[in-house]
Amino acid sequence: MENSAVLVGIYKQGCEKECLKSLNELQRLAETAGANTFAKLTQLKNIPDAATCIGKGKLEELKEICQNNSVSNVIFDCELTPAQIKNIENVVECDVVDRSMLILDIFAQHATSAEGKIQVELAQLKYTAPRLIGKGKDMSRLGGGIGTRGPGESKLEIDRRRLFSRISFLQAELEELEKNRQVMRAQRERSQIPKACIVGYTNAGKSSLLNLLTNAGILAQDKLFATLDPTTRKFDLPSGISMLITDTVGFIRKLPHHLIHAFKSTLEEAVYCDFLINVVDSSDEECYEHMQVTEEILNSLGVTNKPILYVFNKSDLTTNEKLFDLRYINSSKGRVVNVSVKDKTGCDELISQLEALCRYGKKRLYFLFPYTSQGDLSNFYKSSEVISTEYTNDGTLVYAWVDEKTENKYSTYKK
């Protein structure tokens, strides 16, 4: 069966439920990659078998399923070693991939920007490097002595050299793009415009939310990792405040570390923002676990102690009791709002919360600028949210929302 797959998971004693949940997610990943799930196979194994991950007996069962039903792919819900992949393929006689390889394939499909494509290729090559092994006579390696070297040894070495050369080239390209990103970040810092970053589990509705607020026109699909490249748009709030909102790649459980490293430059948008918008699919029965995964990945990136707005999306599909529980659990961590991007409900409360966060840590103060200091007044307007302006005999009296940096900079004019 073309593009059919058997999903395989292993679990420790007492962890079968978690294994099945992970396999359900793996099925969605497989569907996103274009494969149809034919069967799921699980194996209780506290320690994965060094040679085949699942053991000889279960491997024979897997072989029988694949050969009797012409299955073309086997996908493991864990990371396999090169030797394990080779040993399993020799028995089942079809393509074998692990969870990391599957996610990389999906990323390759969805990368559109130059930076995204480089990040994906770099992650693929770094993952492939230790797994570059010979297959068949053309790549055979027989031994290390005179007269024992296989005809494929030089080809294998050439392939490795080309691979590492390509990795070095891509890393240099990515460093150049990172410099450009740093320049853009510096410009945003100078503009003093509040910056928010949309984070959350994949397929929670992050791109749909940005589209609703800013008409960004981002492709939003009911698929995992539909959005890969970060997108930043300006959003003007009703009060007149302008803010920048950045959509980022979604998170997922068991996200490979090399993927996090490859996408560090884009994920760091969350590091440099003023506050986070954590979008949660409140209709998903595993939304609590998804929130925990998001929190763990953010912590690994060093994103801590930032104001957070929890946006519980898809409220039209969620019971009131569950929404209440979610609000209660997370109200201690940050602000909470229920919305349905599809039905466009909850938007007024969402915008109200965004306005409050844009003013987070700011004060309303009076400043008096003498008419001889109009240059400073002009710069002050750029870095503050002016509430009112009055022209007096002593100068221009301005009432404005200001942050600590602006307050200190213009402290000599403060009333």
Protein backbone atom coordinates (compact mmCIF):
# COMPACT_ATOMS: atom_id res chain seq x y z
CA MET A 1 0.00 0.00 0.00
CA GLU A 2 1.56 3.23 -1.20
CA ASN A 3 2.33 5.83 1.51
CA SER A 4 1.00 3.50 4.24
CA ALA A 5 2.78 3.30 7.57
CA VAL A 6 2.94 1.22 10.71
CA LEU A 7 3.54 3.31 13.83
CA VAL A 8 5.68 1.76 16.54
CA GLY A 9 6.02 2.87 20.16
CA ILE A 10 7.73 1.47 23.23
CA TYR A 11 6.78 2.20 26.81
CA LYS A 12 7.97 1.51 30.33
CA GLN A 13 5.90 -0.31 32.95
CA GLY A 14 2.86 1.82 33.86
CA CYS A 15 3.31 4.28 30.97
CA GLU A 16 1.13 2.66 28.27
CA LYS A 17 -1.43 5.50 28.35
CA GLU A 18 1.23 8.13 27.63
CA CYS A 19 2.61 5.94 24.83
CA LEU A 20 -0.80 5.73 23.15
CA LYS A 21 -1.27 9.49 23.41
CA SER A 22 2.11 10.02 21.80
CA LEU A 23 1.26 7.54 19.03
CA ASN A 24 -1.96 9.44 18.30
CA GLU A 25 0.11 12.57 17.85
CA LEU A 26 2.58 10.63 15.71
CA GLN A 27 -0.36 9.61 13.52
CA ARG A 28 -1.21 13.29 12.95
CA LEU A 29 2.41 13.98 12.12
CA ALA A 30 2.38 11.11 9.63
CA GLU A 31 -0.80 12.45 8.03
CA THR A 32 0.78 15.89 7.73
CA ALA A 33 3.76 14.27 5.98
CA GLY A 34 1.40 12.46 3.58
CA ALA A 35 1.35 8.95 5.08
CA ASN A 36 -1.73 6.95 6.03
CA THR A 37 -1.54 4.94 9.23
CA PHE A 38 -2.24 1.25 8.61
CA ALA A 39 -1.57 -0.03 12.13
CA LYS A 40 -0.06 0.86 15.50
CA LEU A 41 2.29 -1.46 17.33
CA THR A 42 3.38 -1.06 20.96
CA GLN A 43 5.92 -2.92 23.04
CA LEU A 44 6.50 -2.91 26.79
CA LYS A 45 10.23 -2.43 27.19
CA ASN A 46 11.86 -0.58 30.06
CA ILE A 47 15.14 -0.43 28.14
CA PRO A 48 15.09 -0.28 24.29
CA ASP A 49 16.83 -3.19 22.61
CA ALA A 50 20.28 -2.04 21.46
CA ALA A 51 19.99 -3.80 18.10
CA THR A 52 16.34 -3.39 17.08
CA CYS A 53 14.74 -1.14 19.75
CA ILE A 54 11.70 -3.45 20.09
CA GLY A 55 13.35 -6.85 20.31
CA LYS A 56 13.54 -9.85 17.96
CA GLY A 57 10.06 -11.27 18.60
CA LYS A 58 8.19 -8.00 18.11
CA LEU A 59 10.34 -7.25 15.05
CA GLU A 60 9.12 -10.49 13.44
CA GLU A 61 5.54 -9.42 14.15
CA LEU A 62 6.27 -6.06 12.52
CA LYS A 63 7.79 -7.81 9.50
CA GLU A 64 4.68 -9.96 9.07
CA ILE A 65 2.37 -6.92 9.16
CA CYS A 66 4.48 -5.01 6.63
CA GLN A 67 4.99 -7.83 4.14
CA ASN A 68 1.42 -9.22 4.27
CA ASN A 69 -0.09 -5.78 3.69
CA SER A 70 2.57 -4.18 1.44
CA VAL A 71 3.25 -1.42 3.96
CA SER A 72 5.81 1.05 2.63
CA ASN A 73 6.94 2.82 5.85
CA VAL A 74 7.62 2.09 9.48
CA ILE A 75 7.69 5.10 11.82
CA PHE A 76 9.09 4.80 15.34
CA ASP A 77 7.89 7.18 18.05
CA CYS A 78 11.39 7.58 19.43
CA GLU A 79 14.88 8.33 18.19
CA LEU A 80 16.72 5.40 16.59
CA THR A 81 20.45 4.84 16.22
CA PRO A 82 21.96 4.25 12.75
CA ALA A 83 22.52 0.60 13.61
CA GLN A 84 18.92 0.14 14.75
CA ILE A 85 17.57 1.66 11.52
CA LYS A 86 19.79 -0.60 9.42
CA ASN A 87 18.90 -3.73 11.41
CA ILE A 88 15.15 -3.05 11.28
CA GLU A 89 15.20 -2.24 7.54
CA ASN A 90 17.05 -5.49 6.81
CA VAL A 91 14.20 -7.43 8.42
CA VAL A 92 11.03 -5.53 7.44
CA GLU A 93 12.35 -4.60 3.97
CA CYS A 94 10.75 -1.14 3.86
CA ASP A 95 11.74 2.41 4.81
CA VAL A 96 12.23 3.05 8.52
CA VAL A 97 12.19 6.54 10.04
CA ASP A 98 12.03 7.82 13.59
CA ARG A 99 10.06 10.71 15.08
CA SER A 100 12.87 13.23 14.51
CA MET A 101 13.24 12.29 10.84
CA LEU A 102 9.47 12.61 10.37
CA ILE A 103 9.36 16.09 11.93
CA LEU A 104 12.32 17.16 9.79
CA ASP A 105 10.47 15.98 6.68
CA ILE A 106 7.42 18.07 7.65
CA PHE A 107 9.62 21.09 8.32
CA ALA A 108 11.19 20.67 4.87
CA GLN A 109 7.72 20.73 3.29
CA HIS A 110 6.63 23.91 5.08
CA ALA A 111 9.77 26.07 5.00
CA THR A 112 9.26 28.99 2.62
CA SER A 113 11.73 31.73 3.59
CA ALA A 114 15.45 31.55 2.84
CA GLU A 115 16.26 31.39 6.54
CA GLY A 116 13.67 28.68 7.17
CA LYS A 117 15.00 26.52 4.34
CA ILE A 118 18.58 26.88 5.59
CA GLN A 119 17.56 26.02 9.15
CA VAL A 120 15.72 22.91 8.01
CA GLU A 121 18.53 21.70 5.74
CA LEU A 122 21.09 22.31 8.46
CA ALA A 123 19.07 20.32 10.97
CA GLN A 124 18.61 17.51 8.46
CA LEU A 125 22.32 17.31 7.64
CA LYS A 126 23.37 17.37 11.29
CA TYR A 127 20.93 14.57 11.99
CA THR A 128 22.05 12.64 8.90
CA ALA A 129 25.80 12.97 9.50
CA PRO A 130 26.18 10.20 12.11
CA ARG A 131 23.62 8.11 10.20
CA LEU A 132 25.45 8.13 6.88
CA ILE A 133 26.03 4.43 6.36
CA GLY A 134 26.60 2.34 3.27
CA LYS A 135 23.80 0.31 1.71
CA GLY A 136 24.56 -2.46 -0.75
CA LYS A 137 27.66 -3.13 -2.80
CA ASP A 138 28.08 0.44 -4.04
CA MET A 139 28.70 1.63 -0.49
CA SER A 140 30.24 -1.49 1.05
CA ARG A 141 33.15 -1.32 3.53
CA LEU A 142 34.79 -4.70 4.09
CA GLY A 143 37.72 -4.01 6.36
CA GLY A 144 40.64 -1.84 7.31
CA GLY A 145 43.63 -3.74 5.90
CA ILE A 146 45.27 -3.98 2.48
CA GLY A 147 43.11 -5.90 0.09
CA THR A 148 40.05 -5.68 2.35
CA ARG A 149 38.72 -2.21 1.53
CA GLY A 150 35.35 -2.29 -0.20
CA PRO A 151 34.72 -0.38 -3.44
CA GLY A 152 32.39 2.03 -1.68
CA GLU A 153 34.79 3.28 0.97
CA SER A 154 36.00 6.28 -1.01
CA LYS A 155 32.45 7.14 -2.05
CA LEU A 156 31.32 7.04 1.56
CA GLU A 157 34.18 9.29 2.64
CA ILE A 158 33.46 11.68 -0.24
CA ASP A 159 29.82 11.82 0.78
CA ARG A 160 30.82 12.61 4.34
CA ARG A 161 33.22 15.36 3.26
CA ARG A 162 30.55 16.91 1.06
CA LEU A 163 28.05 16.72 3.90
CA PHE A 164 30.31 18.44 6.44
CA SER A 165 31.33 21.02 3.85
CA ARG A 166 27.67 21.78 3.23
CA ILE A 167 27.05 22.07 6.98
CA SER A 168 29.86 24.64 7.31
CA PHE A 169 28.48 26.62 4.35
CA LEU A 170 24.94 26.66 5.76
CA GLN A 171 26.16 27.68 9.21
CA ALA A 172 27.97 30.65 7.66
CA GLU A 173 24.82 31.61 5.72
CA LEU A 174 22.72 31.35 8.87
CA GLU A 175 25.16 33.57 10.78
CA GLU A 176 24.78 36.27 8.13
CA LEU A 177 20.99 36.06 8.32
CA GLU A 178 21.22 36.20 12.11
CA LYS A 179 23.17 39.46 11.85
CA ASN A 180 20.34 40.91 9.76
CA ARG A 181 17.82 39.71 12.32
CA GLN A 182 19.82 41.38 15.09
CA VAL A 183 19.78 44.67 13.16
CA MET A 184 15.99 44.42 12.82
CA ARG A 185 15.67 43.71 16.55
CA ALA A 186 17.82 46.75 17.34
CA GLN A 187 15.59 48.92 15.17
CA ARG A 188 12.51 47.65 16.99
CA GLU A 189 14.16 48.35 20.33
CA ARG A 190 14.86 51.95 19.30
CA SER A 191 11.26 52.41 18.16
CA GLN A 192 10.03 51.70 21.73
CA ILE A 193 7.00 49.88 20.26
CA PRO A 194 5.73 47.10 22.57
CA LYS A 195 6.57 43.64 21.21
CA ALA A 196 4.53 40.50 21.75
CA CYS A 197 5.35 36.95 20.68
CA ILE A 198 2.71 34.33 19.99
CA VAL A 199 3.79 30.93 21.31
CA GLY A 200 2.07 27.63 21.98
CA TYR A 201 1.59 24.06 20.91
CA THR A 202 1.39 23.32 17.21
CA ASN A 203 -2.07 23.67 15.65
CA ALA A 204 -3.46 25.68 18.58
CA GLY A 205 -4.51 28.54 16.28
CA LYS A 206 -1.55 30.94 16.57
CA SER A 207 -1.48 31.93 12.90
CA SER A 208 -5.27 32.25 12.80
CA LEU A 209 -5.10 34.63 15.76
CA LEU A 210 -2.49 36.82 14.05
CA ASN A 211 -4.59 36.81 10.87
CA LEU A 212 -7.67 37.88 12.85
CA LEU A 213 -5.88 40.77 14.55
CA THR A 214 -3.72 42.08 11.71
CA ASN A 215 -4.97 40.55 8.43
CA ALA A 216 -1.48 39.06 8.08
CA GLY A 217 -2.58 36.63 5.38
CA ILE A 218 -0.57 33.74 6.84
CA LEU A 219 -1.51 30.25 5.63
CA ALA A 220 -3.47 28.67 8.50
CA GLN A 221 -4.28 24.97 8.12
CA ASP A 222 -5.58 22.23 10.39
CA LYS A 223 -2.19 20.53 10.24
CA LEU A 224 0.78 20.24 12.56
CA PHE A 225 3.55 22.76 11.81
CA ALA A 226 1.53 24.55 9.10
CA THR A 227 3.55 27.65 10.02
CA LEU A 228 7.31 27.41 10.19
CA ASP A 229 8.70 30.86 9.37
CA PRO A 230 8.15 33.65 11.93
CA THR A 231 5.97 36.54 10.81
CA THR A 232 5.83 39.98 12.46
CA ARG A 233 2.95 42.41 11.94
CA LYS A 234 2.05 45.80 13.39
CA PHE A 235 -1.24 46.02 15.27
CA ASP A 236 -2.89 49.33 16.19
CA LEU A 237 -4.97 49.15 19.36
CA PRO A 238 -8.13 51.27 19.77
CA SER A 239 -6.35 53.54 22.29
CA GLY A 240 -3.83 54.50 19.60
CA ILE A 241 -1.04 52.27 20.91
CA SER A 242 0.88 50.43 18.20
CA MET A 243 2.43 47.07 18.94
CA LEU A 244 4.36 44.38 17.05
CA ILE A 245 3.10 40.80 17.16
CA THR A 246 5.29 37.89 15.99
CA ASP A 247 3.96 34.44 15.13
CA THR A 248 6.42 31.58 15.77
CA VAL A 249 6.75 27.89 14.97
CA GLY A 250 4.59 25.67 17.16
CA PHE A 251 5.97 23.42 19.86
CA ILE A 252 5.43 19.67 20.25
CA ARG A 253 6.34 16.98 22.77
CA LYS A 254 9.65 15.24 22.12
CA LEU A 255 10.81 18.16 19.94
CA PRO A 256 14.38 17.14 18.96
CA HIS A 257 17.11 19.22 20.58
CA HIS A 258 18.92 19.71 17.27
CA LEU A 259 15.74 21.28 15.88
CA ILE A 260 15.55 23.71 18.78
CA HIS A 261 19.20 24.60 18.17
CA ALA A 262 18.72 25.05 14.41
CA PHE A 263 15.72 27.32 14.94
CA LYS A 264 17.21 29.15 17.91
CA SER A 265 17.57 32.43 16.01
CA THR A 266 13.85 32.52 15.19
CA LEU A 267 12.69 31.08 18.50
CA GLU A 268 14.67 33.83 20.23
CA GLU A 269 11.92 36.25 19.18
CA ALA A 270 10.31 35.02 22.39
CA VAL A 271 13.43 36.00 24.34
CA TYR A 272 13.46 39.61 23.12
CA CYS A 273 9.73 40.37 23.26
CA ASP A 274 8.05 42.37 26.03
CA PHE A 275 5.36 39.80 26.73
CA LEU A 276 4.06 36.44 25.50
CA ILE A 277 0.71 35.44 24.03
CA ASN A 278 0.39 31.72 24.83
CA VAL A 279 -2.31 30.26 22.57
CA VAL A 280 -3.90 27.03 23.83
CA ASP A 281 -6.37 24.76 22.03
CA SER A 282 -8.83 24.52 24.93
CA SER A 283 -10.90 21.89 23.08
CA ASP A 284 -8.01 19.40 23.07
CA GLU A 285 -8.24 16.85 25.87
CA GLU A 286 -4.45 17.08 26.28
CA CYS A 287 -4.30 20.88 26.50
CA TYR A 288 -2.86 20.74 30.03
CA GLU A 289 0.04 18.60 28.80
CA HIS A 290 0.49 20.89 25.79
CA MET A 291 0.80 23.91 28.08
CA GLN A 292 3.43 22.08 30.12
CA VAL A 293 5.44 21.23 26.99
CA THR A 294 5.32 24.88 25.87
CA GLU A 295 6.49 26.04 29.29
CA GLU A 296 9.37 23.55 29.33
CA ILE A 297 10.63 24.59 25.88
CA LEU A 298 10.40 28.30 26.77
CA ASN A 299 12.39 27.64 29.94
CA SER A 300 15.04 25.80 27.89
CA LEU A 301 15.34 28.93 25.71
CA GLY A 302 15.77 31.11 28.79
CA VAL A 303 12.35 32.75 28.44
CA THR A 304 11.31 33.33 32.04
CA ASN A 305 9.62 36.02 34.13
CA LYS A 306 7.81 37.62 31.20
CA PRO A 307 4.19 38.76 31.41
CA ILE A 308 1.95 36.14 29.77
CA LEU A 309 -1.50 36.35 28.26
CA TYR A 310 -3.07 32.89 28.02
CA VAL A 311 -5.47 32.79 25.07
CA PHE A 312 -7.72 29.74 25.31
CA ASN A 313 -8.79 29.35 21.70
CA LYS A 314 -11.63 27.23 20.23
CA SER A 315 -13.92 28.11 23.13
CA ASP A 316 -16.85 27.31 20.82
CA LEU A 317 -15.83 23.65 21.06
CA THR A 318 -15.08 23.63 24.79
CA THR A 319 -17.40 23.06 27.77
CA ASN A 320 -17.84 25.95 30.18
CA GLU A 321 -16.62 23.77 33.05
CA LYS A 322 -13.33 23.07 31.30
CA LEU A 323 -12.81 26.73 30.43
CA PHE A 324 -13.42 27.66 34.06
CA ASP A 325 -10.85 25.09 35.19
CA LEU A 326 -8.30 26.40 32.70
CA ARG A 327 -8.83 29.99 33.82
CA TYR A 328 -8.58 29.01 37.47
CA ILE A 329 -5.37 27.03 36.98
CA ASN A 330 -3.59 29.71 34.96
CA SER A 331 -4.90 32.92 36.49
CA SER A 332 -2.01 32.77 38.98
CA LYS A 333 0.52 32.62 36.12
CA GLY A 334 -0.81 35.47 34.01
CA ARG A 335 -3.81 37.05 32.34
CA VAL A 336 -6.41 34.74 30.83
CA VAL A 337 -8.96 35.22 28.03
CA ASN A 338 -11.31 32.83 26.22
CA VAL A 339 -11.72 33.31 22.47
CA SER A 340 -12.91 31.57 19.36
CA VAL A 341 -10.89 32.81 16.40
CA LYS A 342 -13.25 30.95 14.08
CA ASP A 343 -16.37 32.69 15.44
CA LYS A 344 -14.50 35.92 16.27
CA THR A 345 -15.80 35.85 19.84
CA GLY A 346 -13.88 37.14 22.85
CA CYS A 347 -11.99 39.70 20.75
CA ASP A 348 -13.01 42.71 22.86
CA GLU A 349 -11.63 41.16 26.03
CA LEU A 350 -8.50 40.02 24.16
CA ILE A 351 -7.79 43.55 22.88
CA SER A 352 -8.43 44.98 26.35
CA GLN A 353 -5.86 42.58 27.81
CA LEU A 354 -3.35 43.48 25.08
CA GLU A 355 -3.74 47.17 25.91
CA ALA A 356 -3.13 46.42 29.59
CA LEU A 357 0.02 44.42 28.77
CA CYS A 358 1.35 47.16 26.50
CA ARG A 359 1.13 49.45 29.53
CA TYR A 360 2.61 46.84 31.87
CA GLY A 361 5.19 48.48 34.15
CA LYS A 362 4.34 51.99 32.91
CA LYS A 363 3.24 55.06 34.86
CA ARG A 364 1.07 58.05 34.06
CA LEU A 365 3.19 61.14 34.69
CA TYR A 366 3.35 64.85 33.88
CA PHE A 367 6.35 66.38 32.09
CA LEU A 368 6.94 70.07 31.42
CA PHE A 369 9.15 70.83 28.42
CA PRO A 370 10.35 74.45 28.06
CA TYR A 371 9.81 75.89 24.60
CA THR A 372 13.60 75.87 24.21
CA SER A 373 13.59 72.03 24.47
CA GLN A 374 11.33 71.14 21.57
CA GLY A 375 13.87 68.61 20.30
CA ASP A 376 13.58 66.60 23.50
CA LEU A 377 9.80 66.92 23.35
CA SER A 378 9.77 65.50 19.83
CA ASN A 379 11.81 62.46 20.95
CA PHE A 380 9.62 62.09 24.05
CA TYR A 381 6.54 61.73 21.85
CA LYS A 382 8.21 58.80 20.07
CA SER A 383 8.93 56.86 23.25
CA SER A 384 5.72 57.44 25.21
CA GLU A 385 1.95 57.19 24.93
CA VAL A 386 0.71 60.77 25.25
CA ILE A 387 -2.64 61.20 26.99
CA SER A 388 -2.92 64.99 26.77
CA THR A 389 -0.89 68.07 25.87
CA GLU A 390 -1.31 71.60 27.28
CA TYR A 391 0.58 74.73 26.25
CA THR A 392 1.40 76.94 29.27
CA ASN A 393 3.44 80.06 29.88
CA ASP A 394 6.36 77.91 31.08
CA GLY A 395 6.31 75.39 28.23
CA THR A 396 4.49 72.31 26.94
CA LEU A 397 2.86 70.26 29.69
CA VAL A 398 2.52 66.61 28.64
CA TYR A 399 0.57 63.90 30.46
CA ALA A 400 1.69 60.45 29.25
CA TRP A 401 2.19 56.77 29.91
CA VAL A 402 5.94 56.15 30.22
CA ASP A 403 8.16 53.21 31.07
CA GLU A 404 11.01 53.37 33.56
CA LYS A 405 13.62 54.01 30.87
CA THR A 406 11.74 57.01 29.47
CA GLU A 407 10.99 58.33 32.95
CA ASN A 408 14.68 58.31 33.87
CA LYS A 409 15.76 59.80 30.53
CA TYR A 410 13.44 62.81 30.88
CA SER A 411 13.50 63.06 34.68
CA THR A 412 14.64 66.72 34.56
CA TYR A 413 11.31 67.65 32.94
CA LYS A 414 9.14 65.58 35.31
CA LYS A 415 6.55 67.49 37.34
